[in-house]
Amino acid sequence: MLADRVRRHLTEIAAQGQSVTYSALAQQLDLEPPNTIQQVTQALEQLMQEDAAAGHPLIAALVVSKATGGIPRQGFFECAQRIGCFHGDAFGVEAISFHDAEFKRAVAYWPSAALR
């Protein structure tokens, strides 16, 4: 299942304290066209739902876009709103603050979560 592969890969990235772009993640996972970014975003949304249900930091916060200045695309914030994790403006300062906090939580949590 792609979501499981994405989680394993992002756990390794979290251990480095880094982010990854959507396109780089698709390449690193050797996804085949067409719609590789859509495949990534669907897997990330599934992971967001799983993480929210379990009360874990959103591992999807590690995936960012060059086009949005190093934060996730709008769909990340819309999904976070749908699952009850984010209650702000998906385009403003609230989104940047939410992402920054969630990124830090994910980097702190996910590397050790793999050991549990």
N, C-alpha and C. Protein backbone atom coordinates (compact mmCIF):
# COMPACT_ATOMS: atom_id res chain seq x y z
N MET A 1 0.84 -1.16 0.00
CA MET A 1 0.00 0.00 0.00
C MET A 1 0.90 1.24 0.00
N LEU A 2 0.57 2.20 -0.87
CA LEU A 2 1.41 3.37 -1.02
C LEU A 2 1.51 4.18 0.26
N ALA A 3 0.43 4.34 0.98
CA ALA A 3 0.46 5.13 2.22
C ALA A 3 1.48 4.56 3.21
N ASP A 4 1.57 3.25 3.30
CA ASP A 4 2.54 2.63 4.20
C ASP A 4 3.98 2.92 3.76
N ARG A 5 4.21 2.87 2.45
CA ARG A 5 5.54 3.19 1.91
C ARG A 5 5.89 4.65 2.19
N VAL A 6 4.91 5.53 2.01
CA VAL A 6 5.12 6.95 2.25
C VAL A 6 5.46 7.17 3.73
N ARG A 7 4.71 6.55 4.62
CA ARG A 7 4.98 6.72 6.05
C ARG A 7 6.39 6.25 6.41
N ARG A 8 6.79 5.08 5.93
CA ARG A 8 8.13 4.57 6.22
C ARG A 8 9.20 5.55 5.72
N HIS A 9 9.02 6.05 4.52
CA HIS A 9 9.99 6.98 3.94
C HIS A 9 10.02 8.30 4.72
N LEU A 10 8.85 8.82 5.06
CA LEU A 10 8.80 10.08 5.80
C LEU A 10 9.36 9.93 7.21
N THR A 11 9.25 8.76 7.79
CA THR A 11 9.83 8.53 9.11
C THR A 11 11.35 8.68 9.04
N GLU A 12 11.95 8.19 7.97
CA GLU A 12 13.39 8.36 7.77
C GLU A 12 13.75 9.83 7.59
N ILE A 13 12.92 10.56 6.85
CA ILE A 13 13.16 11.99 6.63
C ILE A 13 13.01 12.76 7.94
N ALA A 14 12.03 12.37 8.75
CA ALA A 14 11.83 13.02 10.05
C ALA A 14 13.05 12.85 10.93
N ALA A 15 13.69 11.70 10.85
CA ALA A 15 14.89 11.45 11.65
C ALA A 15 16.03 12.40 11.28
N GLN A 16 15.99 12.93 10.07
CA GLN A 16 17.00 13.89 9.61
C GLN A 16 16.57 15.32 9.91
N GLY A 17 15.32 15.51 10.38
CA GLY A 17 14.82 16.84 10.68
C GLY A 17 14.59 17.69 9.45
N GLN A 18 14.31 17.04 8.35
CA GLN A 18 14.17 17.75 7.08
C GLN A 18 12.76 17.62 6.52
N SER A 19 12.51 18.40 5.48
CA SER A 19 11.28 18.29 4.72
C SER A 19 11.64 17.73 3.34
N VAL A 20 10.62 17.43 2.57
CA VAL A 20 10.80 16.93 1.21
C VAL A 20 9.69 17.52 0.36
N THR A 21 9.97 17.80 -0.89
CA THR A 21 8.92 18.32 -1.77
C THR A 21 8.06 17.17 -2.29
N TYR A 22 6.88 17.51 -2.74
CA TYR A 22 5.97 16.51 -3.30
C TYR A 22 6.64 15.78 -4.46
N SER A 23 7.27 16.53 -5.36
CA SER A 23 7.87 15.89 -6.53
C SER A 23 9.07 15.03 -6.14
N ALA A 24 9.89 15.49 -5.20
CA ALA A 24 11.03 14.68 -4.76
C ALA A 24 10.55 13.40 -4.10
N LEU A 25 9.49 13.49 -3.31
CA LEU A 25 8.95 12.29 -2.67
C LEU A 25 8.47 11.30 -3.71
N ALA A 26 7.77 11.78 -4.72
CA ALA A 26 7.30 10.90 -5.80
C ALA A 26 8.47 10.21 -6.48
N GLN A 27 9.55 10.96 -6.72
CA GLN A 27 10.74 10.38 -7.35
C GLN A 27 11.42 9.38 -6.43
N GLN A 28 11.56 9.72 -5.17
CA GLN A 28 12.22 8.83 -4.21
C GLN A 28 11.47 7.52 -4.04
N LEU A 29 10.16 7.55 -4.23
CA LEU A 29 9.34 6.35 -4.12
C LEU A 29 9.20 5.61 -5.44
N ASP A 30 9.86 6.14 -6.49
CA ASP A 30 9.82 5.54 -7.83
C ASP A 30 8.40 5.39 -8.35
N LEU A 31 7.56 6.40 -8.13
CA LEU A 31 6.19 6.34 -8.62
C LEU A 31 6.18 6.53 -10.14
N GLU A 32 5.30 5.82 -10.78
CA GLU A 32 5.19 5.87 -12.23
C GLU A 32 4.09 6.83 -12.64
N PRO A 33 4.34 7.65 -13.68
CA PRO A 33 3.28 8.50 -14.21
C PRO A 33 2.17 7.64 -14.79
N PRO A 34 1.00 8.14 -14.92
CA PRO A 34 0.63 9.54 -14.76
C PRO A 34 0.24 9.85 -13.31
N ASN A 35 0.10 11.13 -13.03
CA ASN A 35 -0.47 11.63 -11.77
C ASN A 35 0.34 11.24 -10.54
N THR A 36 1.65 11.34 -10.62
CA THR A 36 2.46 10.94 -9.47
C THR A 36 2.21 11.85 -8.26
N ILE A 37 2.03 13.14 -8.50
CA ILE A 37 1.78 14.05 -7.37
C ILE A 37 0.41 13.75 -6.76
N GLN A 38 -0.56 13.43 -7.58
CA GLN A 38 -1.88 13.07 -7.06
C GLN A 38 -1.78 11.79 -6.23
N GLN A 39 -0.98 10.83 -6.66
CA GLN A 39 -0.79 9.61 -5.88
C GLN A 39 -0.20 9.95 -4.51
N VAL A 40 0.77 10.85 -4.50
CA VAL A 40 1.39 11.27 -3.24
C VAL A 40 0.37 11.96 -2.35
N THR A 41 -0.39 12.90 -2.90
CA THR A 41 -1.33 13.66 -2.07
C THR A 41 -2.43 12.76 -1.52
N GLN A 42 -2.88 11.79 -2.29
CA GLN A 42 -3.91 10.87 -1.78
C GLN A 42 -3.35 10.05 -0.62
N ALA A 43 -2.12 9.59 -0.75
CA ALA A 43 -1.50 8.82 0.34
C ALA A 43 -1.31 9.71 1.57
N LEU A 44 -0.90 10.96 1.36
CA LEU A 44 -0.70 11.87 2.48
C LEU A 44 -2.01 12.16 3.21
N GLU A 45 -3.08 12.34 2.46
CA GLU A 45 -4.37 12.58 3.11
C GLU A 45 -4.81 11.37 3.92
N GLN A 46 -4.54 10.18 3.43
CA GLN A 46 -4.86 8.97 4.19
C GLN A 46 -4.04 8.95 5.49
N LEU A 47 -2.76 9.30 5.40
CA LEU A 47 -1.92 9.33 6.59
C LEU A 47 -2.39 10.39 7.57
N MET A 48 -2.83 11.52 7.07
CA MET A 48 -3.35 12.58 7.94
C MET A 48 -4.56 12.08 8.73
N GLN A 49 -5.44 11.38 8.05
CA GLN A 49 -6.63 10.84 8.73
C GLN A 49 -6.22 9.83 9.79
N GLU A 50 -5.28 8.96 9.47
CA GLU A 50 -4.80 7.96 10.43
C GLU A 50 -4.13 8.64 11.62
N ASP A 51 -3.29 9.62 11.35
CA ASP A 51 -2.57 10.30 12.43
C ASP A 51 -3.53 11.05 13.34
N ALA A 52 -4.49 11.75 12.76
CA ALA A 52 -5.45 12.50 13.57
C ALA A 52 -6.27 11.55 14.44
N ALA A 53 -6.70 10.43 13.86
CA ALA A 53 -7.50 9.47 14.62
C ALA A 53 -6.71 8.88 15.78
N ALA A 54 -5.40 8.73 15.61
CA ALA A 54 -4.55 8.16 16.65
C ALA A 54 -3.99 9.22 17.61
N GLY A 55 -4.24 10.48 17.31
CA GLY A 55 -3.72 11.56 18.15
C GLY A 55 -2.23 11.82 17.95
N HIS A 56 -1.70 11.45 16.80
CA HIS A 56 -0.28 11.64 16.50
C HIS A 56 -0.06 12.91 15.69
N PRO A 57 1.14 13.45 15.71
CA PRO A 57 1.47 14.57 14.83
C PRO A 57 1.30 14.14 13.37
N LEU A 58 0.98 15.08 12.53
CA LEU A 58 0.74 14.79 11.11
C LEU A 58 2.07 14.64 10.38
N ILE A 59 2.41 13.41 10.05
CA ILE A 59 3.66 13.16 9.33
C ILE A 59 3.66 13.84 7.97
N ALA A 60 2.50 14.10 7.43
CA ALA A 60 2.39 14.78 6.13
C ALA A 60 2.94 16.20 6.17
N ALA A 61 3.12 16.77 7.36
CA ALA A 61 3.68 18.11 7.48
C ALA A 61 5.12 18.18 6.98
N LEU A 62 5.76 17.04 6.79
CA LEU A 62 7.12 17.00 6.28
C LEU A 62 7.19 17.25 4.78
N VAL A 63 6.05 17.20 4.10
CA VAL A 63 6.02 17.35 2.65
C VAL A 63 5.59 18.76 2.30
N VAL A 64 6.42 19.44 1.54
CA VAL A 64 6.21 20.86 1.23
C VAL A 64 6.29 21.10 -0.27
N SER A 65 5.94 22.30 -0.65
CA SER A 65 5.97 22.70 -2.05
C SER A 65 6.89 23.89 -2.24
N LYS A 66 7.71 23.84 -3.28
CA LYS A 66 8.53 25.00 -3.63
C LYS A 66 7.63 26.18 -4.00
N ALA A 67 6.52 25.88 -4.66
CA ALA A 67 5.62 26.92 -5.15
C ALA A 67 4.94 27.70 -4.03
N THR A 68 4.85 27.12 -2.85
CA THR A 68 4.19 27.81 -1.73
C THR A 68 5.20 28.27 -0.69
N GLY A 69 6.45 28.36 -1.06
CA GLY A 69 7.46 28.90 -0.17
C GLY A 69 7.86 27.98 0.96
N GLY A 70 7.80 26.68 0.73
CA GLY A 70 8.28 25.74 1.74
C GLY A 70 7.25 25.29 2.75
N ILE A 71 5.99 25.51 2.45
CA ILE A 71 4.92 24.94 3.26
C ILE A 71 4.11 24.01 2.35
N PRO A 72 3.27 23.17 2.93
CA PRO A 72 2.47 22.28 2.07
C PRO A 72 1.50 23.06 1.19
N ARG A 73 0.98 22.37 0.23
CA ARG A 73 -0.03 22.94 -0.65
C ARG A 73 -1.34 23.12 0.10
N GLN A 74 -2.23 23.85 -0.48
CA GLN A 74 -3.52 24.18 0.14
C GLN A 74 -4.28 22.93 0.57
N GLY A 75 -4.18 21.85 -0.19
CA GLY A 75 -4.90 20.62 0.15
C GLY A 75 -4.54 20.07 1.52
N PHE A 76 -3.31 20.29 1.96
CA PHE A 76 -2.89 19.86 3.30
C PHE A 76 -3.74 20.56 4.34
N PHE A 77 -3.90 21.86 4.19
CA PHE A 77 -4.65 22.65 5.17
C PHE A 77 -6.15 22.35 5.09
N GLU A 78 -6.65 22.12 3.88
CA GLU A 78 -8.06 21.76 3.73
C GLU A 78 -8.34 20.41 4.38
N CYS A 79 -7.44 19.46 4.20
CA CYS A 79 -7.61 18.14 4.83
C CYS A 79 -7.50 18.28 6.34
N ALA A 80 -6.55 19.07 6.81
CA ALA A 80 -6.40 19.28 8.26
C ALA A 80 -7.66 19.91 8.85
N GLN A 81 -8.32 20.77 8.08
CA GLN A 81 -9.59 21.35 8.55
C GLN A 81 -10.67 20.27 8.61
N ARG A 82 -10.76 19.45 7.56
CA ARG A 82 -11.79 18.40 7.51
C ARG A 82 -11.66 17.42 8.67
N ILE A 83 -10.43 17.12 9.07
CA ILE A 83 -10.23 16.13 10.14
C ILE A 83 -10.14 16.78 11.52
N GLY A 84 -10.35 18.09 11.57
CA GLY A 84 -10.44 18.79 12.85
C GLY A 84 -9.13 19.19 13.49
N CYS A 85 -8.04 19.21 12.72
CA CYS A 85 -6.74 19.56 13.28
C CYS A 85 -6.39 21.04 13.11
N PHE A 86 -7.01 21.70 12.15
CA PHE A 86 -6.67 23.08 11.82
C PHE A 86 -7.95 23.87 11.65
N HIS A 87 -7.98 25.05 12.22
CA HIS A 87 -9.20 25.86 12.20
C HIS A 87 -8.93 27.28 11.74
N GLY A 88 -7.99 27.47 10.85
CA GLY A 88 -7.64 28.82 10.43
C GLY A 88 -7.78 29.02 8.94
N ASP A 89 -7.17 30.10 8.47
CA ASP A 89 -7.15 30.48 7.06
C ASP A 89 -6.03 29.68 6.38
N ALA A 90 -6.40 28.94 5.36
CA ALA A 90 -5.43 28.09 4.66
C ALA A 90 -4.41 28.89 3.85
N PHE A 91 -4.58 30.20 3.78
CA PHE A 91 -3.67 31.02 2.99
C PHE A 91 -2.89 32.03 3.82
N GLY A 92 -3.12 32.10 5.10
CA GLY A 92 -2.54 33.18 5.88
C GLY A 92 -1.50 32.75 6.89
N VAL A 93 -1.26 33.66 7.81
CA VAL A 93 -0.29 33.46 8.87
C VAL A 93 -0.66 32.25 9.73
N GLU A 94 -1.95 32.02 9.91
CA GLU A 94 -2.38 30.87 10.71
C GLU A 94 -1.89 29.56 10.10
N ALA A 95 -1.94 29.48 8.77
CA ALA A 95 -1.48 28.27 8.09
C ALA A 95 0.01 28.08 8.28
N ILE A 96 0.76 29.15 8.17
CA ILE A 96 2.21 29.06 8.35
C ILE A 96 2.54 28.63 9.77
N SER A 97 1.86 29.22 10.74
CA SER A 97 2.10 28.87 12.15
C SER A 97 1.72 27.43 12.44
N PHE A 98 0.56 27.00 11.91
CA PHE A 98 0.12 25.63 12.11
C PHE A 98 1.14 24.66 11.51
N HIS A 99 1.57 24.93 10.29
CA HIS A 99 2.53 24.03 9.65
C HIS A 99 3.84 23.99 10.43
N ASP A 100 4.33 25.13 10.86
CA ASP A 100 5.58 25.18 11.61
C ASP A 100 5.49 24.32 12.87
N ALA A 101 4.41 24.48 13.61
CA ALA A 101 4.23 23.71 14.84
C ALA A 101 4.08 22.22 14.54
N GLU A 102 3.31 21.89 13.51
CA GLU A 102 3.07 20.48 13.18
C GLU A 102 4.35 19.82 12.65
N PHE A 103 5.13 20.57 11.88
CA PHE A 103 6.40 20.06 11.38
C PHE A 103 7.31 19.71 12.57
N LYS A 104 7.42 20.62 13.52
CA LYS A 104 8.28 20.38 14.69
C LYS A 104 7.80 19.18 15.50
N ARG A 105 6.49 19.07 15.67
CA ARG A 105 5.93 17.91 16.39
C ARG A 105 6.25 16.61 15.65
N ALA A 106 6.10 16.63 14.33
CA ALA A 106 6.34 15.42 13.53
C ALA A 106 7.80 15.00 13.60
N VAL A 107 8.71 15.97 13.49
CA VAL A 107 10.14 15.66 13.55
C VAL A 107 10.51 15.09 14.92
N ALA A 108 9.87 15.60 15.96
CA ALA A 108 10.16 15.11 17.30
C ALA A 108 9.57 13.73 17.56
N TYR A 109 8.41 13.45 16.99
CA TYR A 109 7.68 12.22 17.31
C TYR A 109 8.05 11.03 16.41
N TRP A 110 8.04 11.23 15.10
CA TRP A 110 8.05 10.09 14.18
C TRP A 110 9.33 9.26 14.17
N PRO A 111 10.52 9.82 14.33
CA PRO A 111 11.69 8.93 14.34
C PRO A 111 11.64 7.90 15.46
N SER A 112 11.19 8.29 16.64
CA SER A 112 11.11 7.34 17.74
C SER A 112 9.87 6.46 17.65
N ALA A 113 8.85 6.90 16.92
CA ALA A 113 7.63 6.09 16.76
C ALA A 113 7.92 4.79 16.04
N ALA A 114 8.89 4.81 15.16
CA ALA A 114 9.25 3.60 14.41
C ALA A 114 9.82 2.53 15.33
N LEU A 115 10.34 2.95 16.46
CA LEU A 115 10.94 2.01 17.42
C LEU A 115 9.92 1.38 18.35
N ARG A 116 8.73 1.95 18.39
CA ARG A 116 7.71 1.48 19.32
C ARG A 116 7.05 0.22 18.85
